[in-house]
Amino acid sequence: MTTSSNNTKFKESEINWDDLEGIGIHKSELDVERLLNGETVNIISLQLTLLGVEIEMDATIQIVEEGNVPMLEICGIKPE
């Protein structure tokens, strides 16, 4: 974990925004400061392809640390 100059838990440069755009996570639609602090952001809609299966889901996301590497954690929202 590294602290950025604006006192967030993670640096914005540690995030691969291009990869996130590919699964429907758009930086412009996020509370980036909350995300960089490791907090859960509001519910977003995602479109993923996993093992050739296209998946659309609502989820919350947050950045967590796995072995000193920031990783995106996606928590799917169960439909009611």
C-alpha atoms as a PDB file:
ATOM      1  CA  MET A   1       0.000   0.000   0.000  1.00  0.00           C
ATOM      2  CA  THR A   2       1.259   3.446  -0.848  1.00  0.00           C
ATOM      3  CA  THR A   3      -0.081   6.797   0.215  1.00  0.00           C
ATOM      4  CA  SER A   4      -0.502   9.272  -2.607  1.00  0.00           C
ATOM      5  CA  SER A   5       0.217  12.983  -2.405  1.00  0.00           C
ATOM      6  CA  ASN A   6      -3.479  13.723  -1.846  1.00  0.00           C
ATOM      7  CA  ASN A   7      -3.542  11.426   1.206  1.00  0.00           C
ATOM      8  CA  THR A   8      -5.418   8.533  -0.361  1.00  0.00           C
ATOM      9  CA  LYS A   9      -4.574   4.935   0.440  1.00  0.00           C
ATOM     10  CA  PHE A  10      -3.755   4.088  -3.201  1.00  0.00           C
ATOM     11  CA  LYS A  11      -2.257   6.130  -6.034  1.00  0.00           C
ATOM     12  CA  GLU A  12      -4.378   6.870  -9.084  1.00  0.00           C
ATOM     13  CA  SER A  13      -1.430   5.784 -11.262  1.00  0.00           C
ATOM     14  CA  GLU A  14      -1.579   2.273  -9.698  1.00  0.00           C
ATOM     15  CA  ILE A  15      -4.967   1.655 -11.329  1.00  0.00           C
ATOM     16  CA  ASN A  16      -5.206   0.420 -14.921  1.00  0.00           C
ATOM     17  CA  TRP A  17      -8.135   2.583 -16.000  1.00  0.00           C
ATOM     18  CA  ASP A  18      -8.060   1.225 -19.580  1.00  0.00           C
ATOM     19  CA  ASP A  19      -8.694  -2.330 -18.353  1.00  0.00           C
ATOM     20  CA  LEU A  20     -11.510  -1.114 -16.105  1.00  0.00           C
ATOM     21  CA  GLU A  21     -13.144   0.726 -19.019  1.00  0.00           C
ATOM     22  CA  GLY A  22     -13.176  -2.612 -20.847  1.00  0.00           C
ATOM     23  CA  ILE A  23     -15.522  -4.088 -18.244  1.00  0.00           C
ATOM     24  CA  GLY A  24     -17.718  -1.036 -17.958  1.00  0.00           C
ATOM     25  CA  ILE A  25     -16.055   0.759 -15.056  1.00  0.00           C
ATOM     26  CA  HIS A  26     -15.653   4.369 -16.157  1.00  0.00           C
ATOM     27  CA  LYS A  27     -13.499   6.683 -14.080  1.00  0.00           C
ATOM     28  CA  SER A  28     -15.780   9.624 -14.860  1.00  0.00           C
ATOM     29  CA  GLU A  29     -18.713   7.803 -13.209  1.00  0.00           C
ATOM     30  CA  LEU A  30     -16.898   6.961  -9.963  1.00  0.00           C
ATOM     31  CA  ASP A  31     -16.124   8.748  -6.750  1.00  0.00           C
ATOM     32  CA  VAL A  32     -12.409   8.283  -7.435  1.00  0.00           C
ATOM     33  CA  GLU A  33     -11.281   9.654  -4.077  1.00  0.00           C
ATOM     34  CA  ARG A  34     -13.430   7.129  -2.167  1.00  0.00           C
ATOM     35  CA  LEU A  35     -12.193   4.336  -4.420  1.00  0.00           C
ATOM     36  CA  LEU A  36      -8.540   5.331  -3.887  1.00  0.00           C
ATOM     37  CA  ASN A  37      -9.155   5.343  -0.133  1.00  0.00           C
ATOM     38  CA  GLY A  38     -10.214   1.682  -0.305  1.00  0.00           C
ATOM     39  CA  GLU A  39     -13.868   2.487   0.313  1.00  0.00           C
ATOM     40  CA  THR A  40     -16.780   0.831  -1.470  1.00  0.00           C
ATOM     41  CA  VAL A  41     -18.297   2.997  -4.191  1.00  0.00           C
ATOM     42  CA  ASN A  42     -21.942   3.246  -5.217  1.00  0.00           C
ATOM     43  CA  ILE A  43     -23.622   0.479  -7.223  1.00  0.00           C
ATOM     44  CA  ILE A  44     -22.547   0.364 -10.870  1.00  0.00           C
ATOM     45  CA  SER A  45     -23.600  -1.791 -13.839  1.00  0.00           C
ATOM     46  CA  LEU A  46     -20.903  -4.038 -15.321  1.00  0.00           C
ATOM     47  CA  GLN A  47     -20.610  -6.057 -18.508  1.00  0.00           C
ATOM     48  CA  LEU A  48     -18.059  -8.866 -18.211  1.00  0.00           C
ATOM     49  CA  THR A  49     -17.017 -11.795 -20.357  1.00  0.00           C
ATOM     50  CA  LEU A  50     -15.836 -14.719 -18.234  1.00  0.00           C
ATOM     51  CA  LEU A  51     -14.720 -17.902 -19.999  1.00  0.00           C
ATOM     52  CA  GLY A  52     -16.688 -16.855 -23.079  1.00  0.00           C
ATOM     53  CA  VAL A  53     -19.898 -16.150 -21.161  1.00  0.00           C
ATOM     54  CA  GLU A  54     -21.183 -12.581 -21.240  1.00  0.00           C
ATOM     55  CA  ILE A  55     -22.406 -11.381 -17.872  1.00  0.00           C
ATOM     56  CA  GLU A  56     -24.278  -8.214 -16.988  1.00  0.00           C
ATOM     57  CA  MET A  57     -24.526  -7.419 -13.303  1.00  0.00           C
ATOM     58  CA  ASP A  58     -24.863  -4.658 -10.779  1.00  0.00           C
ATOM     59  CA  ALA A  59     -22.022  -4.488  -8.279  1.00  0.00           C
ATOM     60  CA  THR A  60     -20.121  -2.392  -5.814  1.00  0.00           C
ATOM     61  CA  ILE A  61     -16.367  -2.101  -6.176  1.00  0.00           C
ATOM     62  CA  GLN A  62     -13.459  -1.204  -3.975  1.00  0.00           C
ATOM     63  CA  ILE A  63      -9.691  -1.435  -4.103  1.00  0.00           C
ATOM     64  CA  VAL A  64      -8.080  -3.866  -1.684  1.00  0.00           C
ATOM     65  CA  GLU A  65      -4.457  -4.768  -1.120  1.00  0.00           C
ATOM     66  CA  GLU A  66      -3.253  -8.269  -2.059  1.00  0.00           C
ATOM     67  CA  GLY A  67       0.427  -8.753  -1.246  1.00  0.00           C
ATOM     68  CA  ASN A  68       1.277  -5.032  -1.579  1.00  0.00           C
ATOM     69  CA  VAL A  69      -0.544  -4.865  -4.926  1.00  0.00           C
ATOM     70  CA  PRO A  70      -3.817  -2.940  -5.294  1.00  0.00           C
ATOM     71  CA  MET A  71      -6.569  -5.203  -6.646  1.00  0.00           C
ATOM     72  CA  LEU A  72     -10.121  -4.383  -7.637  1.00  0.00           C
ATOM     73  CA  GLU A  73     -12.731  -6.248  -5.600  1.00  0.00           C
ATOM     74  CA  ILE A  74     -16.108  -6.639  -7.299  1.00  0.00           C
ATOM     75  CA  CYS A  75     -19.081  -7.545  -5.102  1.00  0.00           C
ATOM     76  CA  GLY A  76     -22.149  -8.499  -7.106  1.00  0.00           C
ATOM     77  CA  ILE A  77     -25.549  -7.284  -5.982  1.00  0.00           C
ATOM     78  CA  LYS A  78     -28.132 -10.026  -5.650  1.00  0.00           C
ATOM     79  CA  PRO A  79     -31.324  -9.093  -7.529  1.00  0.00           C
ATOM     80  CA  GLU A  80     -34.441  -8.896  -5.395  1.00  0.00           C
END
